Amino acid sequence: NNTGKNVELKFVNSLRRQFEFSVDSFQII
């Protein structure tokens, strides 16, 4: 996306660290 609004699709089997800071730790199911 040329405007910086990329669609990022992540496929996770396992990932030890899923956030950096509390404010970006949210996941909406």
PDB file of all heavy atoms in Angstrom:
ATOM      1  N   ASN A   1       0.860  -1.174   0.000  1.00  0.00           N
ATOM      2  CA  ASN A   1       0.000   0.000   0.000  1.00  0.00           C
ATOM      3  C   ASN A   1       0.897   1.225   0.000  1.00  0.00           C
ATOM      4  O   ASN A   1       1.714   1.398   0.906  1.00  0.00           O
ATOM      5  CB  ASN A   1      -0.925  -0.002   1.218  1.00  0.00           C
ATOM      6  CG  ASN A   1      -1.820   1.225   1.275  1.00  0.00           C
ATOM      7  OD1 ASN A   1      -1.363   2.300   1.633  1.00  0.00           O
ATOM      8  ND2 ASN A   1      -3.077   1.051   0.934  1.00  0.00           N
ATOM      9  N   ASN A   2       0.757   2.069  -1.011  1.00  0.00           N
ATOM     10  CA  ASN A   2       1.670   3.201  -1.187  1.00  0.00           C
ATOM     11  C   ASN A   2       1.478   4.311  -0.158  1.00  0.00           C
ATOM     12  O   ASN A   2       2.277   5.241  -0.093  1.00  0.00           O
ATOM     13  CB  ASN A   2       1.527   3.778  -2.600  1.00  0.00           C
ATOM     14  CG  ASN A   2       1.895   2.767  -3.674  1.00  0.00           C
ATOM     15  OD1 ASN A   2       2.607   1.798  -3.402  1.00  0.00           O
ATOM     16  ND2 ASN A   2       1.407   2.975  -4.883  1.00  0.00           N
ATOM     17  N   THR A   3       0.410   4.246   0.624  1.00  0.00           N
ATOM     18  CA  THR A   3       0.162   5.273   1.631  1.00  0.00           C
ATOM     19  C   THR A   3       0.582   4.820   3.023  1.00  0.00           C
ATOM     20  O   THR A   3       0.302   5.495   4.016  1.00  0.00           O
ATOM     21  CB  THR A   3      -1.331   5.658   1.658  1.00  0.00           C
ATOM     22  OG1 THR A   3      -2.115   4.528   2.076  1.00  0.00           O
ATOM     23  CG2 THR A   3      -1.809   6.104   0.289  1.00  0.00           C
ATOM     24  N   GLY A   4       1.261   3.685   3.116  1.00  0.00           N
ATOM     25  CA  GLY A   4       1.751   3.206   4.408  1.00  0.00           C
ATOM     26  C   GLY A   4       0.763   2.370   5.192  1.00  0.00           C
ATOM     27  O   GLY A   4       1.045   1.931   6.303  1.00  0.00           O
ATOM     28  N   LYS A   5      -0.424   2.129   4.618  1.00  0.00           N
ATOM     29  CA  LYS A   5      -1.449   1.354   5.321  1.00  0.00           C
ATOM     30  C   LYS A   5      -1.415  -0.084   4.813  1.00  0.00           C
ATOM     31  O   LYS A   5      -2.332  -0.556   4.137  1.00  0.00           O
ATOM     32  CB  LYS A   5      -2.823   1.983   5.094  1.00  0.00           C
ATOM     33  CG  LYS A   5      -3.823   1.685   6.192  1.00  0.00           C
ATOM     34  CD  LYS A   5      -5.044   2.583   6.042  1.00  0.00           C
ATOM     35  CE  LYS A   5      -5.921   2.500   7.268  1.00  0.00           C
ATOM     36  NZ  LYS A   5      -7.074   3.426   7.191  1.00  0.00           N
ATOM     37  N   ASN A   6      -0.347  -0.780   5.140  1.00  0.00           N
ATOM     38  CA  ASN A   6      -0.171  -2.145   4.658  1.00  0.00           C
ATOM     39  C   ASN A   6      -1.123  -3.109   5.364  1.00  0.00           C
ATOM     40  O   ASN A   6      -1.416  -2.956   6.547  1.00  0.00           O
ATOM     41  CB  ASN A   6       1.259  -2.616   4.882  1.00  0.00           C
ATOM     42  CG  ASN A   6       2.265  -1.797   4.102  1.00  0.00           C
ATOM     43  OD1 ASN A   6       1.973  -1.334   3.012  1.00  0.00           O
ATOM     44  ND2 ASN A   6       3.431  -1.605   4.668  1.00  0.00           N
ATOM     45  N   VAL A   7      -1.607  -4.083   4.613  1.00  0.00           N
ATOM     46  CA  VAL A   7      -2.366  -5.180   5.191  1.00  0.00           C
ATOM     47  C   VAL A   7      -1.361  -6.291   5.498  1.00  0.00           C
ATOM     48  O   VAL A   7      -0.761  -6.859   4.587  1.00  0.00           O
ATOM     49  CB  VAL A   7      -3.463  -5.680   4.230  1.00  0.00           C
ATOM     50  CG1 VAL A   7      -4.183  -6.879   4.835  1.00  0.00           C
ATOM     51  CG2 VAL A   7      -4.454  -4.563   3.925  1.00  0.00           C
ATOM     52  N   GLU A   8      -1.165  -6.564   6.787  1.00  0.00           N
ATOM     53  CA  GLU A   8      -0.173  -7.541   7.197  1.00  0.00           C
ATOM     54  C   GLU A   8      -0.881  -8.772   7.752  1.00  0.00           C
ATOM     55  O   GLU A   8      -1.598  -8.693   8.752  1.00  0.00           O
ATOM     56  CB  GLU A   8       0.777  -6.935   8.240  1.00  0.00           C
ATOM     57  CG  GLU A   8       1.524  -5.720   7.707  1.00  0.00           C
ATOM     58  CD  GLU A   8       2.867  -5.510   8.385  1.00  0.00           C
ATOM     59  OE1 GLU A   8       2.968  -5.843   9.574  1.00  0.00           O
ATOM     60  OE2 GLU A   8       3.790  -5.014   7.715  1.00  0.00           O
ATOM     61  N   LEU A   9      -0.674  -9.895   7.090  1.00  0.00           N
ATOM     62  CA  LEU A   9      -1.285 -11.158   7.480  1.00  0.00           C
ATOM     63  C   LEU A   9      -0.211 -12.033   8.127  1.00  0.00           C
ATOM     64  O   LEU A   9       0.762 -12.428   7.477  1.00  0.00           O
ATOM     65  CB  LEU A   9      -1.882 -11.860   6.257  1.00  0.00           C
ATOM     66  CG  LEU A   9      -2.834 -11.018   5.395  1.00  0.00           C
ATOM     67  CD1 LEU A   9      -3.262 -11.799   4.155  1.00  0.00           C
ATOM     68  CD2 LEU A   9      -4.048 -10.577   6.192  1.00  0.00           C
ATOM     69  N   LYS A  10      -0.390 -12.320   9.412  1.00  0.00           N
ATOM     70  CA  LYS A  10       0.597 -13.121  10.148  1.00  0.00           C
ATOM     71  C   LYS A  10      -0.030 -14.456  10.539  1.00  0.00           C
ATOM     72  O   LYS A  10      -1.150 -14.497  11.060  1.00  0.00           O
ATOM     73  CB  LYS A  10       1.067 -12.372  11.400  1.00  0.00           C
ATOM     74  CG  LYS A  10       2.186 -13.092  12.163  1.00  0.00           C
ATOM     75  CD  LYS A  10       2.643 -12.294  13.376  1.00  0.00           C
ATOM     76  CE  LYS A  10       3.519 -11.147  12.964  1.00  0.00           C
ATOM     77  NZ  LYS A  10       4.115 -10.450  14.149  1.00  0.00           N
ATOM     78  N   PHE A  11       0.701 -15.526  10.265  1.00  0.00           N
ATOM     79  CA  PHE A  11       0.219 -16.886  10.528  1.00  0.00           C
ATOM     80  C   PHE A  11       1.093 -17.482  11.614  1.00  0.00           C
ATOM     81  O   PHE A  11       2.269 -17.786  11.388  1.00  0.00           O
ATOM     82  CB  PHE A  11       0.251 -17.703   9.241  1.00  0.00           C
ATOM     83  CG  PHE A  11      -0.536 -17.046   8.130  1.00  0.00           C
ATOM     84  CD1 PHE A  11       0.063 -16.119   7.285  1.00  0.00           C
ATOM     85  CD2 PHE A  11      -1.889 -17.322   7.983  1.00  0.00           C
ATOM     86  CE1 PHE A  11      -0.666 -15.486   6.281  1.00  0.00           C
ATOM     87  CE2 PHE A  11      -2.631 -16.686   6.987  1.00  0.00           C
ATOM     88  CZ  PHE A  11      -2.022 -15.772   6.141  1.00  0.00           C
ATOM     89  N   VAL A  12       0.516 -17.632  12.813  1.00  0.00           N
ATOM     90  CA  VAL A  12       1.307 -17.937  13.995  1.00  0.00           C
ATOM     91  C   VAL A  12       0.994 -19.330  14.527  1.00  0.00           C
ATOM     92  O   VAL A  12      -0.133 -19.617  14.942  1.00  0.00           O
ATOM     93  CB  VAL A  12       1.053 -16.892  15.105  1.00  0.00           C
ATOM     94  CG1 VAL A  12       1.840 -17.260  16.362  1.00  0.00           C
ATOM     95  CG2 VAL A  12       1.437 -15.500  14.626  1.00  0.00           C
ATOM     96  N   ASN A  13       2.009 -20.182  14.489  1.00  0.00           N
ATOM     97  CA  ASN A  13       1.942 -21.468  15.178  1.00  0.00           C
ATOM     98  C   ASN A  13       2.396 -21.279  16.628  1.00  0.00           C
ATOM     99  O   ASN A  13       1.749 -21.720  17.560  1.00  0.00           O
ATOM    100  CB  ASN A  13       2.831 -22.489  14.462  1.00  0.00           C
ATOM    101  CG  ASN A  13       2.764 -23.864  15.100  1.00  0.00           C
ATOM    102  OD1 ASN A  13       2.035 -24.729  14.648  1.00  0.00           O
ATOM    103  ND2 ASN A  13       3.528 -24.090  16.169  1.00  0.00           N
ATOM    104  N   SER A  14       3.515 -20.591  16.806  1.00  0.00           N
ATOM    105  CA  SER A  14       4.006 -20.240  18.136  1.00  0.00           C
ATOM    106  C   SER A  14       4.829 -18.960  18.018  1.00  0.00           C
ATOM    107  O   SER A  14       5.530 -18.741  17.028  1.00  0.00           O
ATOM    108  CB  SER A  14       4.858 -21.363  18.729  1.00  0.00           C
ATOM    109  OG  SER A  14       5.956 -21.661  17.880  1.00  0.00           O
ATOM    110  N   LEU A  15       4.725 -18.111  19.037  1.00  0.00           N
ATOM    111  CA  LEU A  15       5.452 -16.848  19.056  1.00  0.00           C
ATOM    112  C   LEU A  15       5.642 -16.452  20.518  1.00  0.00           C
ATOM    113  O   LEU A  15       4.672 -16.138  21.217  1.00  0.00           O
ATOM    114  CB  LEU A  15       4.668 -15.755  18.306  1.00  0.00           C
ATOM    115  CG  LEU A  15       5.305 -14.371  18.203  1.00  0.00           C
ATOM    116  CD1 LEU A  15       6.672 -14.452  17.542  1.00  0.00           C
ATOM    117  CD2 LEU A  15       4.392 -13.429  17.412  1.00  0.00           C
ATOM    118  N   ARG A  16       6.888 -16.499  20.973  1.00  0.00           N
ATOM    119  CA  ARG A  16       7.160 -16.294  22.397  1.00  0.00           C
ATOM    120  C   ARG A  16       6.760 -14.896  22.854  1.00  0.00           C
ATOM    121  O   ARG A  16       6.158 -14.725  23.904  1.00  0.00           O
ATOM    122  CB  ARG A  16       8.650 -16.528  22.680  1.00  0.00           C
ATOM    123  CG  ARG A  16       9.022 -16.317  24.146  1.00  0.00           C
ATOM    124  CD  ARG A  16      10.453 -16.699  24.439  1.00  0.00           C
ATOM    125  NE  ARG A  16      11.404 -15.935  23.642  1.00  0.00           N
ATOM    126  CZ  ARG A  16      12.721 -15.987  23.818  1.00  0.00           C
ATOM    127  NH1 ARG A  16      13.230 -16.795  24.732  1.00  0.00           N
ATOM    128  NH2 ARG A  16      13.526 -15.270  23.069  1.00  0.00           N
ATOM    129  N   ARG A  17       7.077 -13.882  22.049  1.00  0.00           N
ATOM    130  CA  ARG A  17       6.812 -12.498  22.436  1.00  0.00           C
ATOM    131  C   ARG A  17       5.866 -11.874  21.421  1.00  0.00           C
ATOM    132  O   ARG A  17       6.229 -11.647  20.281  1.00  0.00           O
ATOM    133  CB  ARG A  17       8.120 -11.708  22.468  1.00  0.00           C
ATOM    134  CG  ARG A  17       7.964 -10.248  22.881  1.00  0.00           C
ATOM    135  CD  ARG A  17       7.986 -10.089  24.377  1.00  0.00           C
ATOM    136  NE  ARG A  17       7.804  -8.702  24.784  1.00  0.00           N
ATOM    137  CZ  ARG A  17       8.008  -8.268  26.026  1.00  0.00           C
ATOM    138  NH1 ARG A  17       8.408  -9.108  26.960  1.00  0.00           N
ATOM    139  NH2 ARG A  17       7.810  -7.007  26.337  1.00  0.00           N
ATOM    140  N   GLN A  18       4.630 -11.576  21.832  1.00  0.00           N
ATOM    141  CA  GLN A  18       3.627 -11.064  20.910  1.00  0.00           C
ATOM    142  C   GLN A  18       3.342  -9.578  21.102  1.00  0.00           C
ATOM    143  O   GLN A  18       2.422  -9.046  20.495  1.00  0.00           O
ATOM    144  CB  GLN A  18       2.331 -11.861  21.059  1.00  0.00           C
ATOM    145  CG  GLN A  18       2.478 -13.328  20.704  1.00  0.00           C
ATOM    146  CD  GLN A  18       1.163 -14.012  20.438  1.00  0.00           C
ATOM    147  OE1 GLN A  18       0.321 -13.496  19.729  1.00  0.00           O
ATOM    148  NE2 GLN A  18       0.968 -15.172  21.015  1.00  0.00           N
ATOM    149  N   PHE A  19       4.120  -8.897  21.947  1.00  0.00           N
ATOM    150  CA  PHE A  19       3.926  -7.466  22.132  1.00  0.00           C
ATOM    151  C   PHE A  19       5.230  -6.860  22.624  1.00  0.00           C
ATOM    152  O   PHE A  19       6.138  -7.567  23.076  1.00  0.00           O
ATOM    153  CB  PHE A  19       2.816  -7.200  23.160  1.00  0.00           C
ATOM    154  CG  PHE A  19       3.226  -7.521  24.580  1.00  0.00           C
ATOM    155  CD1 PHE A  19       3.625  -6.516  25.449  1.00  0.00           C
ATOM    156  CD2 PHE A  19       3.248  -8.828  25.040  1.00  0.00           C
ATOM    157  CE1 PHE A  19       4.030  -6.811  26.745  1.00  0.00           C
ATOM    158  CE2 PHE A  19       3.639  -9.131  26.346  1.00  0.00           C
ATOM    159  CZ  PHE A  19       4.042  -8.115  27.198  1.00  0.00           C
ATOM    160  N   GLU A  20       5.337  -5.537  22.494  1.00  0.00           N
ATOM    161  CA  GLU A  20       6.497  -4.827  23.018  1.00  0.00           C
ATOM    162  C   GLU A  20       6.124  -4.043  24.276  1.00  0.00           C
ATOM    163  O   GLU A  20       6.810  -4.103  25.285  1.00  0.00           O
ATOM    164  CB  GLU A  20       7.068  -3.904  21.940  1.00  0.00           C
ATOM    165  CG  GLU A  20       7.712  -4.681  20.809  1.00  0.00           C
ATOM    166  CD  GLU A  20       7.998  -3.847  19.582  1.00  0.00           C
ATOM    167  OE1 GLU A  20       7.210  -2.932  19.270  1.00  0.00           O
ATOM    168  OE2 GLU A  20       9.010  -4.122  18.913  1.00  0.00           O
ATOM    169  N   PHE A  21       5.003  -3.304  24.177  1.00  0.00           N
ATOM    170  CA  PHE A  21       4.549  -2.501  25.308  1.00  0.00           C
ATOM    171  C   PHE A  21       3.079  -2.802  25.568  1.00  0.00           C
ATOM    172  O   PHE A  21       2.366  -3.294  24.691  1.00  0.00           O
ATOM    173  CB  PHE A  21       4.767  -1.015  25.022  1.00  0.00           C
ATOM    174  CG  PHE A  21       6.184  -0.702  24.642  1.00  0.00           C
ATOM    175  CD1 PHE A  21       6.549  -0.533  23.315  1.00  0.00           C
ATOM    176  CD2 PHE A  21       7.166  -0.617  25.611  1.00  0.00           C
ATOM    177  CE1 PHE A  21       7.850  -0.274  22.957  1.00  0.00           C
ATOM    178  CE2 PHE A  21       8.487  -0.362  25.271  1.00  0.00           C
ATOM    179  CZ  PHE A  21       8.835  -0.194  23.939  1.00  0.00           C
ATOM    180  N   SER A  22       2.621  -2.487  26.767  1.00  0.00           N
ATOM    181  CA  SER A  22       1.241  -2.827  27.139  1.00  0.00           C
ATOM    182  C   SER A  22       0.219  -2.196  26.204  1.00  0.00           C
ATOM    183  O   SER A  22      -0.816  -2.794  25.918  1.00  0.00           O
ATOM    184  CB  SER A  22       0.973  -2.386  28.580  1.00  0.00           C
ATOM    185  OG  SER A  22       1.133  -0.976  28.727  1.00  0.00           O
ATOM    186  N   VAL A  23       0.523  -1.001  25.688  1.00  0.00           N
ATOM    187  CA  VAL A  23      -0.462  -0.296  24.850  1.00  0.00           C
ATOM    188  C   VAL A  23      -0.626  -0.914  23.465  1.00  0.00           C
ATOM    189  O   VAL A  23      -1.576  -0.592  22.752  1.00  0.00           O
ATOM    190  CB  VAL A  23      -0.100   1.200  24.712  1.00  0.00           C
ATOM    191  CG1 VAL A  23      -0.225   1.895  26.061  1.00  0.00           C
ATOM    192  CG2 VAL A  23       1.312   1.385  24.147  1.00  0.00           C
ATOM    193  N   ASP A  24       0.315  -1.779  23.067  1.00  0.00           N
ATOM    194  CA  ASP A  24       0.140  -2.468  21.779  1.00  0.00           C
ATOM    195  C   ASP A  24       0.015  -3.977  21.976  1.00  0.00           C
ATOM    196  O   ASP A  24       0.301  -4.769  21.078  1.00  0.00           O
ATOM    197  CB  ASP A  24       1.280  -2.138  20.803  1.00  0.00           C
ATOM    198  CG  ASP A  24       2.640  -2.639  21.285  1.00  0.00           C
ATOM    199  OD1 ASP A  24       2.702  -3.316  22.321  1.00  0.00           O
ATOM    200  OD2 ASP A  24       3.638  -2.351  20.603  1.00  0.00           O
ATOM    201  N   SER A  25      -0.444  -4.370  23.162  1.00  0.00           N
ATOM    202  CA  SER A  25      -0.536  -5.799  23.484  1.00  0.00           C
ATOM    203  C   SER A  25      -1.919  -6.385  23.225  1.00  0.00           C
ATOM    204  O   SER A  25      -2.153  -7.564  23.476  1.00  0.00           O
ATOM    205  CB  SER A  25      -0.186  -6.015  24.965  1.00  0.00           C
ATOM    206  OG  SER A  25      -1.212  -5.506  25.812  1.00  0.00           O
ATOM    207  N   PHE A  26      -2.852  -5.574  22.698  1.00  0.00           N
ATOM    208  CA  PHE A  26      -4.233  -6.027  22.563  1.00  0.00           C
ATOM    209  C   PHE A  26      -4.456  -6.819  21.277  1.00  0.00           C
ATOM    210  O   PHE A  26      -3.898  -6.495  20.228  1.00  0.00           O
ATOM    211  CB  PHE A  26      -5.191  -4.825  22.577  1.00  0.00           C
ATOM    212  CG  PHE A  26      -5.140  -4.043  23.861  1.00  0.00           C
ATOM    213  CD1 PHE A  26      -4.477  -2.830  23.916  1.00  0.00           C
ATOM    214  CD2 PHE A  26      -5.737  -4.525  25.015  1.00  0.00           C
ATOM    215  CE1 PHE A  26      -4.416  -2.096  25.095  1.00  0.00           C
ATOM    216  CE2 PHE A  26      -5.684  -3.805  26.202  1.00  0.00           C
ATOM    217  CZ  PHE A  26      -5.019  -2.587  26.242  1.00  0.00           C
ATOM    218  N   GLN A  27      -5.273  -7.857  21.402  1.00  0.00           N
ATOM    219  CA  GLN A  27      -5.724  -8.623  20.245  1.00  0.00           C
ATOM    220  C   GLN A  27      -7.237  -8.797  20.348  1.00  0.00           C
ATOM    221  O   GLN A  27      -7.745  -9.216  21.393  1.00  0.00           O
ATOM    222  CB  GLN A  27      -5.038  -9.991  20.189  1.00  0.00           C
ATOM    223  CG  GLN A  27      -3.539  -9.909  19.968  1.00  0.00           C
ATOM    224  CD  GLN A  27      -2.867 -11.272  19.874  1.00  0.00           C
ATOM    225  OE1 GLN A  27      -3.528 -12.316  19.974  1.00  0.00           O
ATOM    226  NE2 GLN A  27      -1.560 -11.270  19.665  1.00  0.00           N
ATOM    227  N   ILE A  28      -7.948  -8.446  19.269  1.00  0.00           N
ATOM    228  CA  ILE A  28      -9.402  -8.579  19.235  1.00  0.00           C
ATOM    229  C   ILE A  28      -9.758  -9.808  18.405  1.00  0.00           C
ATOM    230  O   ILE A  28      -9.382  -9.909  17.231  1.00  0.00           O
ATOM    231  CB  ILE A  28     -10.063  -7.323  18.622  1.00  0.00           C
ATOM    232  CG1 ILE A  28      -9.724  -6.093  19.482  1.00  0.00           C
ATOM    233  CG2 ILE A  28     -11.568  -7.509  18.513  1.00  0.00           C
ATOM    234  CD1 ILE A  28     -10.208  -4.784  18.890  1.00  0.00           C
ATOM    235  N   ILE A  29     -10.447 -10.745  19.016  1.00  0.00           N
ATOM    236  CA  ILE A  29     -10.808 -11.999  18.342  1.00  0.00           C
ATOM    237  C   ILE A  29     -11.978 -11.722  17.393  1.00  0.00           C
ATOM    238  O   ILE A  29     -13.037 -11.241  17.808  1.00  0.00           O
ATOM    239  CB  ILE A  29     -11.169 -13.076  19.374  1.00  0.00           C
ATOM    240  CG1 ILE A  29      -9.985 -13.278  20.337  1.00  0.00           C
ATOM    241  CG2 ILE A  29     -11.513 -14.397  18.684  1.00  0.00           C
ATOM    242  CD1 ILE A  29     -10.298 -14.142  21.542  1.00  0.00           C
TER     243      ILE A  29
END
